[in-house]
Amino acid sequence: MNKPLKNILLADVAQEAGVSTASVSRVLNRAPHVSKQLRSRVETAIEKLGYVPHGSARALASRRIGAIGALVPTLDNAIFSTGINCLEQRLKHHDYRLLIATYRYDLDDELEALHTLIQQGVDGMVLIGHDHRPSALTTLTRRQLPFLTCWHSIDDANWPSIGFDNTAPAHALAEHLLSLGHRLLAVVGAPTEGNDRARARLQGFIQATERAGCPIPPERIITVAYGIAEGFQAFEALMRLKPPPTAILCGNDILAFGVMLAAQRAGVRIPDDLSVTGFDDLPQARFMTPALTTVAVPAADIGHQVADALVARIAGETPAHRQLLDAPLVIRESTGPLNTTA
């Protein structure tokens, strides 16, 4: 019969490393001003003995669990998955883990998820955008829990943010289509409730077309969930209009893929008969036939910079209150001049 494994204690690690138990605790709790030599000795002893810190006891002692919480509306959207993956990898570099909760754009559900993550003892919090219940932000502030918002950047935010201006690139996409002679524009976007990114993009589309004297009427603005099937169905609805649009602005690339697939099935040539734009620049966008004109969302940069900034705030540093990243237009083959011979 195998002999039971000994329960390795903190004192055993201290004895093996030749240091005090207090020194071992300081290393485990990532206390500041721990020398590289001490950290190396303790980590070597931990590895040799196979010591596993008791998570709840460690959290109770330090009021930290070595994890960051992230509240994300959905992981169905590939661009969010990219950003969250980069956030997680960068946090690992800082010796933090990531705990994720999704809320399907339901702000009451987001508030519940926030309370759950706080109860877990997370050391900081990442929020997407600026649409949140006021009590969520009050809770974070009163608890003095370091947090920041990302993905959408606004001038007058009262809390730290890292993101990009969603309105300006949308405005530029519409202007691009207008410069090609299009005047019958349509929009396929996400519902705007609880989604300030979708609102900002719609605002950019509307501002550009109104300024050009060809506003988009309500019947040519369709809001659907982000999905290929939804984009496909939105195309079919728009093509039933008289006259149909000559260009469609999509709120993200996934919707644009659905529109393009529906157009190809219907025999509508892109861009000869219809121009289509996306928003995200997913890897698939360049491989579509034709390649998709879109906006390059800096998802990886957001993930990396959010991790660095939040860890710095947890350490008591004060990084920039607002970091604005570029989201440039990527002009490809899915947009072309208005066909005046049709």
Protein backbone atom coordinates (compact mmCIF):
# COMPACT_ATOMS: atom_id res chain seq x y z
CA MET A 1 0.00 0.00 0.00
CA ASN A 2 1.37 3.41 -0.96
CA LYS A 3 2.32 5.70 1.89
CA PRO A 4 0.10 8.82 2.01
CA LEU A 5 1.75 11.95 0.69
CA LYS A 6 2.81 14.42 3.36
CA ASN A 7 0.80 17.63 3.51
CA ILE A 8 3.44 20.24 2.69
CA LEU A 9 3.12 23.31 4.90
CA LEU A 10 4.34 26.88 4.62
CA ALA A 11 6.85 26.12 7.38
CA ASP A 12 8.31 23.29 5.28
CA VAL A 13 8.91 25.70 2.40
CA ALA A 14 10.52 28.21 4.76
CA GLN A 15 12.83 25.53 6.19
CA GLU A 16 13.81 24.28 2.73
CA ALA A 17 14.53 27.82 1.51
CA GLY A 18 16.31 28.81 4.73
CA VAL A 19 14.06 31.83 5.29
CA SER A 20 11.24 32.81 7.63
CA THR A 21 7.60 31.90 7.03
CA ALA A 22 6.92 35.64 6.77
CA SER A 23 9.35 35.85 3.85
CA VAL A 24 7.60 32.95 2.11
CA SER A 25 4.25 34.70 2.59
CA ARG A 26 5.62 37.91 1.10
CA VAL A 27 6.72 36.04 -2.02
CA LEU A 28 3.39 34.21 -2.35
CA ASN A 29 1.41 37.41 -1.92
CA ARG A 30 3.54 39.33 -4.43
CA ALA A 31 4.47 41.91 -1.83
CA PRO A 32 6.51 44.88 -3.10
CA HIS A 33 10.27 45.15 -2.56
CA VAL A 34 10.93 41.39 -2.57
CA SER A 35 14.45 40.73 -3.83
CA LYS A 36 15.03 38.50 -6.84
CA GLN A 37 17.29 36.30 -4.70
CA LEU A 38 14.60 35.72 -2.06
CA ARG A 39 11.94 35.07 -4.69
CA SER A 40 14.20 32.58 -6.45
CA ARG A 41 14.99 30.67 -3.23
CA VAL A 42 11.35 30.42 -2.23
CA GLU A 43 10.16 29.42 -5.72
CA THR A 44 12.87 26.75 -5.92
CA ALA A 45 11.75 25.34 -2.56
CA ILE A 46 8.10 25.38 -3.63
CA GLU A 47 8.90 23.50 -6.83
CA LYS A 48 11.08 20.94 -5.03
CA LEU A 49 8.50 20.19 -2.33
CA GLY A 50 5.44 20.44 -4.56
CA TYR A 51 3.82 23.00 -2.26
CA VAL A 52 0.42 24.32 -3.35
CA PRO A 53 -0.79 27.46 -1.51
CA HIS A 54 -4.29 27.24 -0.09
CA GLY A 55 -6.13 29.74 -2.27
CA SER A 56 -8.81 30.85 0.18
CA ALA A 57 -6.37 31.23 3.05
CA ARG A 58 -4.01 33.20 0.89
CA ALA A 59 -6.82 35.45 -0.31
CA LEU A 60 -8.01 35.99 3.25
CA ALA A 61 -4.55 36.96 4.42
CA SER A 62 -3.73 39.26 1.53
CA ARG A 63 -7.23 40.31 0.42
CA ARG A 64 -6.13 39.23 -3.05
CA ILE A 65 -6.60 36.12 -5.17
CA GLY A 66 -4.26 37.00 -8.02
CA ALA A 67 -7.10 37.31 -10.53
CA ILE A 68 -8.76 39.99 -12.64
CA GLY A 69 -12.46 39.96 -13.46
CA ALA A 70 -13.75 40.81 -16.94
CA LEU A 71 -17.39 41.50 -17.78
CA VAL A 72 -17.95 40.89 -21.51
CA PRO A 73 -21.29 41.22 -23.32
CA THR A 74 -20.64 38.11 -25.43
CA LEU A 75 -17.88 35.84 -26.63
CA ASP A 76 -19.86 34.96 -29.77
CA ASN A 77 -18.35 38.07 -31.37
CA ALA A 78 -14.93 37.00 -32.63
CA ILE A 79 -13.35 40.41 -32.08
CA PHE A 80 -14.15 40.23 -28.35
CA SER A 81 -12.61 36.77 -28.22
CA THR A 82 -9.41 38.15 -29.74
CA GLY A 83 -9.21 40.99 -27.23
CA ILE A 84 -9.99 38.79 -24.23
CA ASN A 85 -7.44 36.18 -25.32
CA CYS A 86 -4.74 38.86 -25.56
CA LEU A 87 -5.80 40.29 -22.20
CA GLU A 88 -5.52 36.86 -20.58
CA GLN A 89 -2.11 36.12 -22.07
CA ARG A 90 -0.73 39.47 -20.95
CA LEU A 91 -2.17 39.04 -17.44
CA LYS A 92 -0.39 35.68 -17.18
CA HIS A 93 2.82 37.56 -17.89
CA HIS A 94 2.00 39.66 -14.80
CA ASP A 95 1.16 36.50 -12.76
CA TYR A 96 -2.58 37.15 -12.81
CA ARG A 97 -5.43 34.93 -13.92
CA LEU A 98 -8.58 36.09 -15.71
CA LEU A 99 -12.13 35.34 -14.56
CA ILE A 100 -14.75 36.05 -17.26
CA ALA A 101 -18.50 36.57 -17.04
CA THR A 102 -20.81 37.34 -19.97
CA TYR A 103 -24.13 39.16 -19.77
CA ARG A 104 -25.63 39.25 -23.31
CA TYR A 105 -25.96 43.06 -23.26
CA ASP A 106 -28.32 42.81 -20.25
CA LEU A 107 -27.08 45.45 -17.80
CA ASP A 108 -28.98 43.94 -14.86
CA ASP A 109 -27.27 40.63 -15.53
CA GLU A 110 -23.95 42.46 -15.77
CA LEU A 111 -24.54 43.97 -12.32
CA GLU A 112 -25.23 40.50 -10.88
CA ALA A 113 -22.08 39.13 -12.48
CA LEU A 114 -20.09 42.06 -11.08
CA HIS A 115 -21.24 41.28 -7.55
CA THR A 116 -20.31 37.61 -8.04
CA LEU A 117 -16.79 38.45 -9.20
CA ILE A 118 -16.31 40.89 -6.33
CA GLN A 119 -17.39 38.17 -3.90
CA GLN A 120 -14.74 35.93 -5.44
CA GLY A 121 -12.18 38.52 -4.35
CA VAL A 122 -10.85 39.71 -7.72
CA ASP A 123 -8.06 42.28 -7.55
CA GLY A 124 -9.36 44.43 -10.41
CA MET A 125 -12.12 44.65 -12.98
CA VAL A 126 -12.37 45.19 -16.74
CA LEU A 127 -15.60 46.54 -18.25
CA ILE A 128 -16.53 46.84 -21.92
CA GLY A 129 -17.75 50.27 -23.01
CA HIS A 130 -19.49 52.88 -20.88
CA ASP A 131 -23.06 51.54 -20.68
CA HIS A 132 -23.45 50.19 -17.14
CA ARG A 133 -25.90 50.50 -14.30
CA PRO A 134 -24.86 53.50 -12.13
CA SER A 135 -24.81 51.20 -9.10
CA ALA A 136 -22.14 49.06 -10.79
CA LEU A 137 -19.74 51.97 -11.02
CA THR A 138 -20.69 53.16 -7.53
CA THR A 139 -19.91 49.71 -6.14
CA LEU A 140 -16.47 49.63 -7.77
CA THR A 141 -15.65 53.14 -6.60
CA ARG A 142 -16.79 52.66 -3.01
CA ARG A 143 -14.85 49.42 -2.71
CA GLN A 144 -11.82 51.17 -4.18
CA LEU A 145 -11.43 48.25 -6.55
CA PRO A 146 -9.14 49.20 -9.46
CA PHE A 147 -11.05 49.04 -12.74
CA LEU A 148 -11.12 50.48 -16.23
CA THR A 149 -13.35 50.43 -19.26
CA CYS A 150 -12.22 49.47 -22.73
CA TRP A 151 -13.21 49.18 -26.37
CA HIS A 152 -15.04 52.51 -26.66
CA SER A 153 -13.29 55.76 -25.76
CA ILE A 154 -15.15 58.97 -24.94
CA ASP A 155 -13.81 62.39 -24.01
CA ASP A 156 -15.65 62.95 -20.74
CA ALA A 157 -15.38 59.57 -19.00
CA ASN A 158 -15.06 59.81 -15.22
CA TRP A 159 -13.04 56.61 -15.01
CA PRO A 160 -9.94 55.22 -16.78
CA SER A 161 -10.51 53.95 -20.32
CA ILE A 162 -8.55 52.35 -23.14
CA GLY A 163 -10.17 52.11 -26.53
CA PHE A 164 -10.94 53.81 -29.81
CA ASP A 165 -13.45 56.27 -31.21
CA ASN A 166 -16.21 54.18 -32.80
CA THR A 167 -17.94 57.18 -34.39
CA ALA A 168 -15.11 58.59 -36.51
CA PRO A 169 -14.29 55.36 -38.42
CA ALA A 170 -18.00 54.76 -39.10
CA HIS A 171 -18.24 58.33 -40.41
CA ALA A 172 -15.21 57.64 -42.63
CA LEU A 173 -16.77 54.44 -44.01
CA ALA A 174 -19.92 56.32 -45.01
CA GLU A 175 -17.85 59.11 -46.55
CA HIS A 176 -15.91 56.52 -48.53
CA LEU A 177 -19.14 55.19 -50.04
CA LEU A 178 -20.43 58.70 -50.70
CA SER A 179 -17.20 59.53 -52.52
CA LEU A 180 -17.89 56.57 -54.81
CA GLY A 181 -21.22 58.12 -55.82
CA HIS A 182 -23.55 56.10 -53.58
CA ARG A 183 -26.59 57.90 -52.20
CA LEU A 184 -28.93 55.00 -51.40
CA LEU A 185 -27.14 53.71 -48.31
CA ALA A 186 -28.47 51.22 -45.75
CA VAL A 187 -27.25 50.05 -42.34
CA VAL A 188 -27.24 46.58 -40.80
CA GLY A 189 -26.15 46.95 -37.19
CA ALA A 190 -26.63 45.66 -33.67
CA PRO A 191 -29.34 46.81 -31.26
CA THR A 192 -28.10 49.95 -29.52
CA GLU A 193 -29.60 49.40 -26.06
CA GLY A 194 -26.79 48.64 -23.61
CA ASN A 195 -24.28 48.87 -26.46
CA ASP A 196 -22.57 52.24 -26.80
CA ARG A 197 -20.27 50.91 -29.54
CA ALA A 198 -23.25 50.13 -31.80
CA ARG A 199 -24.78 53.53 -31.01
CA ALA A 200 -21.56 55.35 -31.83
CA ARG A 201 -21.15 53.55 -35.16
CA LEU A 202 -24.74 54.25 -36.15
CA GLN A 203 -24.21 57.88 -35.19
CA GLY A 204 -21.18 58.05 -37.50
CA PHE A 205 -23.13 56.57 -40.42
CA ILE A 206 -26.05 58.95 -39.89
CA GLN A 207 -23.91 62.07 -39.42
CA ALA A 208 -21.98 61.51 -42.64
CA THR A 209 -25.05 60.85 -44.78
CA GLU A 210 -27.04 63.75 -43.33
CA ARG A 211 -24.12 66.09 -43.95
CA ALA A 212 -24.07 64.92 -47.58
CA GLY A 213 -27.79 65.63 -47.94
CA CYS A 214 -28.87 61.99 -48.30
CA PRO A 215 -30.03 60.86 -44.85
CA ILE A 216 -30.72 57.16 -44.29
CA PRO A 217 -34.47 56.64 -43.69
CA PRO A 218 -35.57 54.34 -40.83
CA GLU A 219 -36.67 51.56 -43.20
CA ARG A 220 -33.08 51.25 -44.43
CA ILE A 221 -31.68 50.81 -40.90
CA ILE A 222 -31.97 47.23 -39.66
CA THR A 223 -30.84 46.16 -36.19
CA VAL A 224 -30.17 42.47 -35.57
CA ALA A 225 -28.02 40.28 -33.36
CA TYR A 226 -24.45 39.87 -34.56
CA GLY A 227 -24.46 36.74 -36.75
CA ILE A 228 -24.03 35.52 -40.32
CA ALA A 229 -27.64 34.32 -40.53
CA GLU A 230 -28.86 37.70 -39.28
CA GLY A 231 -26.79 39.51 -41.92
CA PHE A 232 -28.15 37.16 -44.58
CA GLN A 233 -31.75 37.87 -43.59
CA ALA A 234 -31.14 41.62 -43.34
CA PHE A 235 -29.88 41.64 -46.94
CA GLU A 236 -33.05 39.91 -48.11
CA ALA A 237 -35.21 42.47 -46.30
CA LEU A 238 -33.28 45.41 -47.76
CA MET A 239 -33.45 44.05 -51.30
CA ARG A 240 -37.24 44.04 -51.09
CA LEU A 241 -37.24 47.85 -50.74
CA LYS A 242 -38.04 50.00 -53.78
CA PRO A 243 -35.51 51.18 -54.70
CA PRO A 244 -33.02 48.88 -52.93
CA PRO A 245 -29.79 50.31 -51.49
CA THR A 246 -26.66 50.42 -53.60
CA ALA A 247 -24.38 50.19 -50.54
CA ILE A 248 -24.75 48.55 -47.11
CA LEU A 249 -22.82 49.64 -44.02
CA CYS A 250 -22.56 46.76 -41.54
CA GLY A 251 -21.94 47.16 -37.82
CA ASN A 252 -19.34 44.40 -37.82
CA ASP A 253 -17.61 41.97 -40.16
CA ILE A 254 -19.79 38.99 -39.22
CA LEU A 255 -22.91 40.81 -40.39
CA ALA A 256 -21.07 41.84 -43.55
CA PHE A 257 -20.15 38.21 -44.24
CA GLY A 258 -23.84 37.29 -44.03
CA VAL A 259 -24.80 40.14 -46.37
CA MET A 260 -22.13 39.12 -48.89
CA LEU A 261 -23.14 35.45 -48.84
CA ALA A 262 -26.78 36.39 -49.37
CA ALA A 263 -25.86 38.72 -52.23
CA GLN A 264 -23.83 36.02 -53.94
CA ARG A 265 -26.68 33.54 -53.63
CA ALA A 266 -29.10 36.12 -55.07
CA GLY A 267 -26.81 36.87 -58.01
CA VAL A 268 -26.06 40.41 -56.81
CA ARG A 269 -22.50 41.27 -57.77
CA ILE A 270 -20.21 42.89 -55.20
CA PRO A 271 -19.10 45.63 -55.77
CA ASP A 272 -20.61 46.03 -59.27
CA ASP A 273 -24.23 46.00 -58.07
CA LEU A 274 -23.76 46.51 -54.33
CA SER A 275 -20.97 47.82 -52.11
CA VAL A 276 -20.59 46.32 -48.61
CA THR A 277 -18.51 47.42 -45.62
CA GLY A 278 -17.78 45.75 -42.29
CA PHE A 279 -16.22 46.82 -39.01
CA ASP A 280 -13.52 44.83 -37.12
CA ASP A 281 -11.08 43.51 -39.75
CA LEU A 282 -11.35 39.89 -38.68
CA PRO A 283 -8.77 37.57 -40.29
CA GLN A 284 -11.44 36.22 -42.66
CA ALA A 285 -12.19 39.69 -44.07
CA ARG A 286 -9.18 39.72 -46.38
CA PHE A 287 -9.98 36.23 -47.70
CA MET A 288 -13.61 36.89 -48.62
CA THR A 289 -14.48 37.08 -52.32
CA PRO A 290 -14.26 39.99 -52.81
CA ALA A 291 -12.10 41.03 -49.86
CA LEU A 292 -14.06 43.14 -47.37
CA THR A 293 -13.63 46.88 -46.86
CA THR A 294 -13.72 47.42 -43.10
CA VAL A 295 -12.25 49.14 -40.04
CA ALA A 296 -9.29 47.59 -38.24
CA VAL A 297 -10.27 47.37 -34.57
CA PRO A 298 -7.12 47.21 -32.38
CA ALA A 299 -8.40 44.28 -30.31
CA ALA A 300 -4.99 42.79 -29.48
CA ASP A 301 -3.55 46.17 -28.48
CA ILE A 302 -6.57 46.83 -26.27
CA GLY A 303 -6.09 43.51 -24.49
CA HIS A 304 -2.39 44.09 -23.90
CA GLN A 305 -2.72 47.70 -22.78
CA VAL A 306 -5.66 46.99 -20.49
CA ALA A 307 -3.65 44.30 -18.71
CA ASP A 308 -0.63 46.56 -18.26
CA ALA A 309 -2.66 49.55 -17.10
CA LEU A 310 -4.84 47.64 -14.64
CA VAL A 311 -1.90 45.82 -13.06
CA ALA A 312 -0.17 49.19 -12.71
CA ARG A 313 -3.23 50.62 -10.95
CA ILE A 314 -3.36 47.66 -8.59
CA ALA A 315 0.28 48.37 -7.73
CA GLY A 316 -0.65 51.96 -6.86
CA GLU A 317 0.65 53.60 -10.02
CA THR A 318 -1.35 56.14 -12.04
CA PRO A 319 -1.16 55.42 -15.79
CA ALA A 320 -2.86 57.72 -18.29
CA HIS A 321 -6.55 58.28 -17.56
CA ARG A 322 -7.50 57.85 -21.23
CA GLN A 323 -5.63 55.94 -23.92
CA LEU A 324 -7.02 56.45 -27.43
CA LEU A 325 -5.98 53.90 -30.05
CA ASP A 326 -6.23 54.13 -33.83
CA ALA A 327 -8.90 52.22 -35.78
CA PRO A 328 -7.99 52.85 -39.43
CA LEU A 329 -10.06 52.25 -42.54
CA VAL A 330 -9.01 49.22 -44.62
CA ILE A 331 -10.18 49.71 -48.21
CA ARG A 332 -10.52 46.46 -50.14
CA GLU A 333 -12.53 45.13 -53.08
CA SER A 334 -16.06 44.97 -51.62
CA THR A 335 -16.65 48.67 -52.32
CA GLY A 336 -16.70 50.28 -55.74
CA PRO A 337 -18.16 53.17 -57.74
CA LEU A 338 -21.92 53.46 -58.15
CA ASN A 339 -23.05 51.50 -61.20
CA THR A 340 -24.91 54.12 -63.26
CA THR A 341 -25.74 51.69 -66.08
CA ALA A 342 -27.88 49.33 -63.98
